Amino acid sequence: MSEEIKFSVIMPTYGVGDYIGDALGCLQMQTYDNFEVIIVDDCSPDSSGDIARGYMERDDRFYYVKHDTNQGVSAARNTGIEHATGDYILFLDPDDLYERNLLRVCAAALERNPVDLLVFSFTEDYRNAAGKIEFMKGITLDMMDYDDDMVTTSDAATIHKMAMQMEAITMLGYPWNKCYKTSIIKENNLQYQKIKHVEDILFNCDFLDYTTSLTVLNDVLYHYRNQGQVRLTGGEIEDYFKLQKIRIERIYDQQQKWKTCDFEALGTLSKEYFRSFQSAMVRQLESGVKTDDILKWCNAEAETELYQNLRRYMPEDSKTLKLLYKPLTEGMFGTALRRARLMKYTKSHFPGVFNRAKQLR
């Protein structure tokens, strides 16, 4: 196989001194050579920058850029885009792990089908403080009911339908399980918005507006590490539910524009909306918000157009979903609040059980 395709790996870096060495090691050991790694140090307060510079000094495929001030993960990725010279861009996180053949598998697929967007499968690894995996979930093409190891399409209707199928299993929203054609990003001046928590999905929706060909791989090439660390896009999130609604409304509007907002798509968005609604109640309980104020907030949300539109489309095929979210769809907010209290208790005392429960979609 010729190694003509060049990859630009963009890695924003902040406060990941305990992890970035593992991530950069995974890249240095790649079985495919034609790549560059652009490490953007967003004024990290720990040893992250020193570790990154060490790789740059030993390997000329590694480049190090430092911001003068802390600007956030979106700005760091945008800086990486400015410096990228590859045919395809990958946005990899510095506190995750990647298979050694990540780039080789992607190159092989792109040589056969040089699509605009390549999506690959991954695992979510929940680890304890010692780094031992306690729970792992694979997110693969199989979950979308495809038997193939790879699905490629240039049909617009199929791309739009697959985008919603990927959203249903959380494969769409992340930036780190994708190869993006660089020319599409640069020619259309696509950038990450400086907004917290949902900047990833907004960027992906923007990219999909220009996507005319897509490949999805069943190969698990990426390992998302959840070890209790503060993720680059994590930490305390003010206006959590407001941000989730921005995400849902962006997908809803896009599906409407594509004329693919069918019953299945609405069911997926309904699950996302009411899961976020329930999570917002738990977060309010954790912040000490009074019961009456939470119920007042619930009743106000029930008057919104989004609530009224999506309450009718909650799927009826899952007893668990009905147990968790049916009280919300029916306006039974007292019952929903009692379940939110149970979720808060489980999250605090049995985090492993809570993490498994979170996977229900």
Protein backbone atom coordinates (compact mmCIF):
# COMPACT_ATOMS: atom_id res chain seq x y z
CA MET A 1 0.00 0.00 0.00
CA SER A 2 1.40 3.41 -0.93
CA GLU A 3 1.57 6.01 1.79
CA GLU A 4 0.33 8.99 -0.18
CA ILE A 5 -2.34 10.21 2.19
CA LYS A 6 -1.01 12.59 4.82
CA PHE A 7 -2.81 12.99 8.14
CA SER A 8 -2.72 16.03 10.41
CA VAL A 9 -3.39 15.00 14.01
CA ILE A 10 -4.48 18.00 16.07
CA MET A 11 -4.17 17.61 19.82
CA PRO A 12 -5.33 20.39 22.16
CA THR A 13 -3.51 20.21 25.48
CA TYR A 14 -4.40 21.50 28.93
CA GLY A 15 -3.84 19.87 32.33
CA VAL A 16 -3.21 16.36 31.00
CA GLY A 17 0.30 15.71 32.26
CA ASP A 18 -0.77 12.33 33.67
CA TYR A 19 -2.05 11.12 30.30
CA ILE A 20 -0.54 12.91 27.31
CA GLY A 21 2.61 10.78 27.30
CA ASP A 22 0.52 7.67 26.68
CA ALA A 23 -1.38 9.39 23.86
CA LEU A 24 1.75 10.69 22.14
CA GLY A 25 3.36 7.27 22.55
CA CYS A 26 0.42 5.71 20.72
CA LEU A 27 1.05 8.10 17.83
CA GLN A 28 4.79 7.60 17.75
CA MET A 29 4.25 3.84 17.46
CA GLN A 30 1.78 4.11 14.56
CA THR A 31 2.35 1.59 11.78
CA TYR A 32 1.71 4.32 9.21
CA ASP A 33 4.34 7.05 8.82
CA ASN A 34 2.90 9.87 6.76
CA PHE A 35 1.45 12.12 9.45
CA GLU A 36 2.10 15.21 11.51
CA VAL A 37 1.05 15.81 15.10
CA ILE A 38 0.20 19.42 15.97
CA ILE A 39 0.14 19.80 19.75
CA VAL A 40 -1.53 23.05 20.82
CA ASP A 41 -0.65 23.98 24.39
CA ASP A 42 -3.46 26.15 25.74
CA CYS A 43 -1.27 27.50 28.58
CA SER A 44 -1.39 24.23 30.50
CA PRO A 45 -0.48 24.73 34.19
CA ASP A 46 1.20 21.32 34.55
CA SER A 47 3.87 19.27 32.78
CA SER A 48 1.84 18.71 29.60
CA GLY A 49 3.86 21.21 27.59
CA ASP A 50 7.20 19.81 28.70
CA ILE A 51 6.15 16.29 27.72
CA ALA A 52 4.93 17.50 24.34
CA ARG A 53 8.14 19.42 23.65
CA GLY A 54 10.11 16.29 24.51
CA TYR A 55 8.38 14.39 21.70
CA MET A 56 8.95 17.30 19.30
CA GLU A 57 12.68 17.23 20.04
CA ARG A 58 12.91 13.47 19.37
CA ASP A 59 10.57 13.13 16.38
CA ASP A 60 10.28 15.65 13.53
CA ARG A 61 6.67 14.60 12.87
CA PHE A 62 5.64 16.31 16.13
CA TYR A 63 5.05 20.08 16.26
CA TYR A 64 4.39 22.22 19.32
CA VAL A 65 2.41 25.47 19.37
CA LYS A 66 1.61 27.44 22.52
CA HIS A 67 -1.10 30.02 23.07
CA ASP A 68 -0.15 33.25 24.82
CA THR A 69 -3.29 32.99 26.96
CA ASN A 70 -5.71 30.22 27.87
CA GLN A 71 -8.45 30.31 25.24
CA GLY A 72 -10.25 26.98 25.55
CA VAL A 73 -10.39 23.76 23.55
CA SER A 74 -12.24 25.26 20.57
CA ALA A 75 -9.58 27.91 20.04
CA ALA A 76 -6.85 25.27 20.41
CA ARG A 77 -8.41 23.10 17.70
CA ASN A 78 -8.86 26.13 15.46
CA THR A 79 -5.16 26.96 15.88
CA GLY A 80 -4.35 23.40 14.89
CA ILE A 81 -6.47 23.75 11.75
CA GLU A 82 -4.47 26.84 10.75
CA HIS A 83 -1.22 24.84 10.92
CA ALA A 84 -2.50 21.60 9.34
CA THR A 85 -0.91 20.55 6.03
CA GLY A 86 -2.36 17.04 5.70
CA ASP A 87 -5.05 15.72 3.38
CA TYR A 88 -7.18 14.70 6.34
CA ILE A 89 -7.45 16.04 9.88
CA LEU A 90 -8.02 14.03 13.06
CA PHE A 91 -8.84 15.78 16.33
CA LEU A 92 -7.50 13.39 18.98
CA ASP A 93 -7.77 14.01 22.71
CA PRO A 94 -4.57 13.84 24.82
CA ASP A 95 -6.09 11.77 27.63
CA ASP A 96 -7.26 8.86 25.47
CA LEU A 97 -5.58 5.86 23.84
CA TYR A 98 -5.45 4.77 20.20
CA GLU A 99 -4.68 1.54 18.41
CA ARG A 100 -1.25 1.39 16.74
CA ASN A 101 -2.90 0.74 13.37
CA LEU A 102 -5.32 3.68 13.63
CA LEU A 103 -3.78 5.68 10.79
CA ARG A 104 -2.96 2.66 8.63
CA VAL A 105 -6.56 1.39 8.72
CA CYS A 106 -7.87 4.88 7.95
CA ALA A 107 -5.38 5.30 5.08
CA ALA A 108 -6.36 1.97 3.55
CA ALA A 109 -10.05 2.87 3.67
CA LEU A 110 -9.45 6.33 2.24
CA GLU A 111 -7.28 5.03 -0.59
CA ARG A 112 -10.13 2.75 -1.66
CA ASN A 113 -12.76 5.45 -1.15
CA PRO A 114 -11.41 9.01 -0.72
CA VAL A 115 -14.54 10.24 1.04
CA ASP A 116 -15.17 13.59 2.73
CA LEU A 117 -15.68 12.05 6.16
CA LEU A 118 -14.42 8.79 7.64
CA VAL A 119 -15.89 7.58 10.94
CA PHE A 120 -14.39 4.72 12.96
CA SER A 121 -15.60 2.73 15.96
CA PHE A 122 -14.39 3.11 19.53
CA THR A 123 -14.79 1.97 23.12
CA GLU A 124 -15.77 3.94 26.18
CA ASP A 125 -13.47 2.75 28.98
CA TYR A 126 -14.51 3.52 32.55
CA ARG A 127 -11.47 3.15 34.81
CA ASN A 128 -10.88 3.42 38.54
CA ALA A 129 -8.27 5.72 40.09
CA ALA A 130 -5.60 3.07 39.56
CA GLY A 131 -6.36 2.95 35.84
CA LYS A 132 -8.02 -0.48 35.84
CA ILE A 133 -10.97 -0.83 33.48
CA GLU A 134 -14.18 -1.47 35.45
CA PHE A 135 -16.62 -1.16 32.58
CA MET A 136 -16.19 -0.95 28.81
CA LYS A 137 -18.71 -0.31 26.09
CA GLY A 138 -17.98 -0.64 22.37
CA ILE A 139 -19.64 1.78 19.96
CA THR A 140 -19.57 0.08 16.57
CA LEU A 141 -21.27 -0.14 13.20
CA ASP A 142 -23.02 -3.31 14.42
CA MET A 143 -25.16 -1.18 16.74
CA MET A 144 -26.62 0.51 13.66
CA ASP A 145 -27.79 -2.89 12.39
CA TYR A 146 -25.20 -3.11 9.61
CA ASP A 147 -23.55 -6.49 9.04
CA ASP A 148 -20.67 -5.10 6.99
CA ASP A 149 -17.23 -4.19 8.32
CA MET A 150 -17.39 -0.96 6.32
CA VAL A 151 -20.22 1.09 4.83
CA THR A 152 -19.49 3.74 2.19
CA THR A 153 -22.05 5.97 0.51
CA SER A 154 -22.26 9.06 -1.69
CA ASP A 155 -26.04 9.17 -1.63
CA ALA A 156 -27.22 12.27 0.21
CA ALA A 157 -30.34 10.64 1.65
CA THR A 158 -28.30 7.72 3.00
CA ILE A 159 -25.68 10.05 4.51
CA HIS A 160 -28.38 12.01 6.29
CA LYS A 161 -30.09 8.89 7.59
CA MET A 162 -26.78 7.40 8.76
CA ALA A 163 -25.92 10.64 10.54
CA MET A 164 -29.04 10.26 12.67
CA GLN A 165 -28.33 6.58 13.25
CA MET A 166 -24.85 7.48 14.47
CA GLU A 167 -26.28 10.17 16.71
CA ALA A 168 -28.54 7.57 18.32
CA ILE A 169 -25.49 5.57 19.49
CA THR A 170 -23.26 8.63 20.26
CA MET A 171 -20.97 7.92 17.31
CA LEU A 172 -21.69 11.23 15.58
CA GLY A 173 -21.05 13.94 18.13
CA TYR A 174 -17.43 13.29 19.04
CA PRO A 175 -14.61 14.81 16.94
CA TRP A 176 -11.98 12.21 17.83
CA ASN A 177 -13.37 9.18 15.96
CA LYS A 178 -13.30 10.85 12.55
CA CYS A 179 -11.04 11.82 9.66
CA TYR A 180 -12.17 15.09 8.07
CA LYS A 181 -11.10 16.13 4.58
CA THR A 182 -8.94 19.18 5.19
CA SER A 183 -9.99 21.02 2.05
CA ILE A 184 -13.64 21.06 3.15
CA ILE A 185 -12.72 22.59 6.50
CA LYS A 186 -10.42 25.24 5.05
CA GLU A 187 -12.36 26.15 1.90
CA ASN A 188 -15.54 26.69 3.93
CA ASN A 189 -13.75 28.31 6.88
CA LEU A 190 -15.23 25.81 9.32
CA GLN A 191 -14.22 26.42 12.93
CA TYR A 192 -15.12 25.24 16.40
CA GLN A 193 -17.42 27.68 18.11
CA LYS A 194 -16.27 29.14 21.40
CA ILE A 195 -19.08 27.55 23.33
CA LYS A 196 -18.71 25.01 26.08
CA HIS A 197 -19.73 21.36 26.02
CA VAL A 198 -21.51 21.19 22.64
CA GLU A 199 -18.83 22.65 20.37
CA ASP A 200 -18.05 19.16 19.01
CA ILE A 201 -21.50 18.34 17.67
CA LEU A 202 -21.97 21.85 16.29
CA PHE A 203 -18.73 21.51 14.30
CA ASN A 204 -19.78 18.08 13.03
CA CYS A 205 -23.18 19.38 11.96
CA ASP A 206 -21.46 22.23 10.10
CA PHE A 207 -19.13 19.74 8.38
CA LEU A 208 -22.05 17.50 7.41
CA ASP A 209 -23.61 20.41 5.54
CA TYR A 210 -20.73 20.02 3.06
CA THR A 211 -20.33 16.23 3.20
CA THR A 212 -21.11 14.42 -0.05
CA SER A 213 -19.45 11.08 0.76
CA LEU A 214 -19.08 9.09 3.96
CA THR A 215 -17.46 5.88 5.19
CA VAL A 216 -18.13 4.22 8.54
CA LEU A 217 -15.71 1.54 9.77
CA ASN A 218 -16.52 -1.22 12.22
CA ASP A 219 -12.87 -1.31 13.33
CA VAL A 220 -12.41 -0.22 16.96
CA LEU A 221 -9.45 2.16 16.69
CA TYR A 222 -9.96 4.55 19.61
CA HIS A 223 -10.35 4.17 23.38
CA TYR A 224 -12.11 6.98 25.22
CA ARG A 225 -10.68 6.98 28.73
CA ASN A 226 -13.00 8.00 31.55
CA GLN A 227 -10.88 7.86 34.68
CA GLY A 228 -12.48 10.65 36.65
CA GLN A 229 -10.24 13.25 35.02
CA VAL A 230 -11.61 16.62 34.02
CA ARG A 231 -11.99 16.31 30.26
CA LEU A 232 -10.97 19.14 27.96
CA THR A 233 -14.64 19.83 27.33
CA GLY A 234 -15.72 18.90 30.86
CA GLY A 235 -15.60 20.48 34.29
CA GLU A 236 -18.38 22.52 35.81
CA ILE A 237 -20.99 23.32 33.18
CA GLU A 238 -23.20 26.33 33.73
CA ASP A 239 -26.41 26.36 31.72
CA TYR A 240 -26.06 22.61 31.08
CA PHE A 241 -29.62 22.15 29.85
CA LYS A 242 -29.52 25.30 27.74
CA LEU A 243 -26.44 23.93 25.98
CA GLN A 244 -28.09 20.55 25.44
CA LYS A 245 -31.06 22.26 23.87
CA ILE A 246 -28.74 24.11 21.48
CA ARG A 247 -27.35 20.72 20.46
CA ILE A 248 -30.78 19.15 19.97
CA GLU A 249 -32.20 22.13 18.10
CA ARG A 250 -29.19 22.21 15.73
CA ILE A 251 -29.69 18.55 14.82
CA TYR A 252 -33.47 19.02 14.58
CA ASP A 253 -33.10 22.00 12.24
CA GLN A 254 -30.59 20.14 10.09
CA GLN A 255 -32.82 17.11 9.78
CA GLN A 256 -35.72 19.40 8.85
CA LYS A 257 -33.59 21.07 6.17
CA TRP A 258 -32.60 17.67 4.81
CA LYS A 259 -36.27 16.56 4.91
CA THR A 260 -35.25 13.45 6.88
CA CYS A 261 -36.84 14.37 10.19
CA ASP A 262 -38.93 11.21 10.31
CA PHE A 263 -40.42 9.32 13.26
CA GLU A 264 -37.13 7.53 13.97
CA ALA A 265 -35.15 10.78 14.01
CA LEU A 266 -37.69 12.44 16.28
CA GLY A 267 -37.57 9.45 18.62
CA THR A 268 -33.80 9.80 18.94
CA LEU A 269 -34.07 13.52 19.63
CA SER A 270 -36.86 12.92 22.14
CA LYS A 271 -34.68 10.48 24.10
CA GLU A 272 -31.80 12.96 24.07
CA TYR A 273 -33.99 15.82 25.18
CA PHE A 274 -35.64 14.02 28.09
CA ARG A 275 -32.39 12.37 29.18
CA SER A 276 -30.88 15.86 29.36
CA PHE A 277 -33.99 17.11 31.17
CA GLN A 278 -33.59 14.40 33.82
CA SER A 279 -29.84 15.04 34.09
CA ALA A 280 -30.50 18.75 34.56
CA MET A 281 -32.79 17.91 37.51
CA VAL A 282 -30.03 15.77 39.06
CA ARG A 283 -27.53 18.60 38.62
CA GLN A 284 -29.89 21.03 40.31
CA LEU A 285 -30.29 18.66 43.24
CA GLU A 286 -26.50 18.38 43.50
CA SER A 287 -26.26 22.18 43.55
CA GLY A 288 -28.75 22.43 46.42
CA VAL A 289 -31.61 23.98 44.45
CA LYS A 290 -34.87 23.81 46.43
CA THR A 291 -37.60 21.41 45.43
CA ASP A 292 -40.14 24.15 44.71
CA ASP A 293 -37.69 25.95 42.45
CA ILE A 294 -36.92 22.77 40.49
CA LEU A 295 -40.62 22.08 39.99
CA LYS A 296 -41.17 25.68 38.92
CA TRP A 297 -38.36 25.30 36.39
CA CYS A 298 -39.91 22.04 35.11
CA ASN A 299 -43.30 23.64 34.59
CA ALA A 300 -41.73 26.55 32.71
CA GLU A 301 -39.83 24.16 30.44
CA ALA A 302 -43.06 22.26 29.75
CA GLU A 303 -44.42 25.39 28.07
CA THR A 304 -41.61 25.52 25.51
CA GLU A 305 -42.10 24.57 21.87
CA LEU A 306 -39.30 21.99 22.00
CA TYR A 307 -40.89 20.15 24.94
CA GLN A 308 -44.29 20.14 23.28
CA ASN A 309 -42.85 18.93 19.96
CA LEU A 310 -40.75 16.08 21.37
CA ARG A 311 -42.95 14.74 24.17
CA ARG A 312 -45.04 12.87 21.60
CA TYR A 313 -42.14 10.92 20.12
CA MET A 314 -40.63 9.11 23.09
CA PRO A 315 -40.12 5.50 21.88
CA GLU A 316 -42.39 2.96 23.53
CA ASP A 317 -40.16 -0.06 22.88
CA SER A 318 -38.11 0.18 26.07
CA LYS A 319 -39.51 -0.39 29.56
CA THR A 320 -36.44 1.31 31.04
CA LEU A 321 -36.91 4.44 28.98
CA LYS A 322 -40.57 4.59 29.91
CA LEU A 323 -39.67 4.15 33.58
CA LEU A 324 -37.11 6.95 33.49
CA TYR A 325 -38.66 9.50 31.18
CA LYS A 326 -42.40 8.89 30.87
CA PRO A 327 -43.15 11.01 33.97
CA LEU A 328 -41.39 13.91 32.26
CA THR A 329 -43.26 13.49 28.98
CA GLU A 330 -46.56 13.43 30.87
CA GLY A 331 -45.77 16.41 33.08
CA MET A 332 -45.57 14.31 36.27
CA PHE A 333 -42.66 16.34 37.60
CA GLY A 334 -43.03 15.28 41.23
CA THR A 335 -42.51 11.65 40.21
CA ALA A 336 -39.64 12.65 37.92
CA LEU A 337 -38.00 14.53 40.77
CA ARG A 338 -38.17 11.48 43.04
CA ARG A 339 -36.41 9.45 40.37
CA ALA A 340 -33.85 12.22 39.97
CA ARG A 341 -33.12 11.95 43.70
CA LEU A 342 -32.56 8.21 43.28
CA MET A 343 -30.21 8.89 40.37
CA LYS A 344 -28.30 11.45 42.46
CA TYR A 345 -27.89 8.90 45.26
CA THR A 346 -26.75 6.19 42.84
CA LYS A 347 -24.28 8.56 41.18
CA SER A 348 -22.78 9.45 44.55
CA HIS A 349 -22.67 6.02 46.20
CA PHE A 350 -22.55 3.55 43.29
CA PRO A 351 -20.74 5.30 40.41
CA GLY A 352 -20.15 2.03 38.55
CA VAL A 353 -23.87 1.29 38.46
CA PHE A 354 -24.57 4.88 37.45
CA ASN A 355 -22.09 4.72 34.56
CA ARG A 356 -23.76 1.58 33.25
CA ALA A 357 -27.18 3.19 33.55
CA LYS A 358 -25.96 6.19 31.57
CA GLN A 359 -25.40 3.94 28.57
CA LEU A 360 -29.14 3.44 28.09
CA ARG A 361 -30.13 5.14 24.88
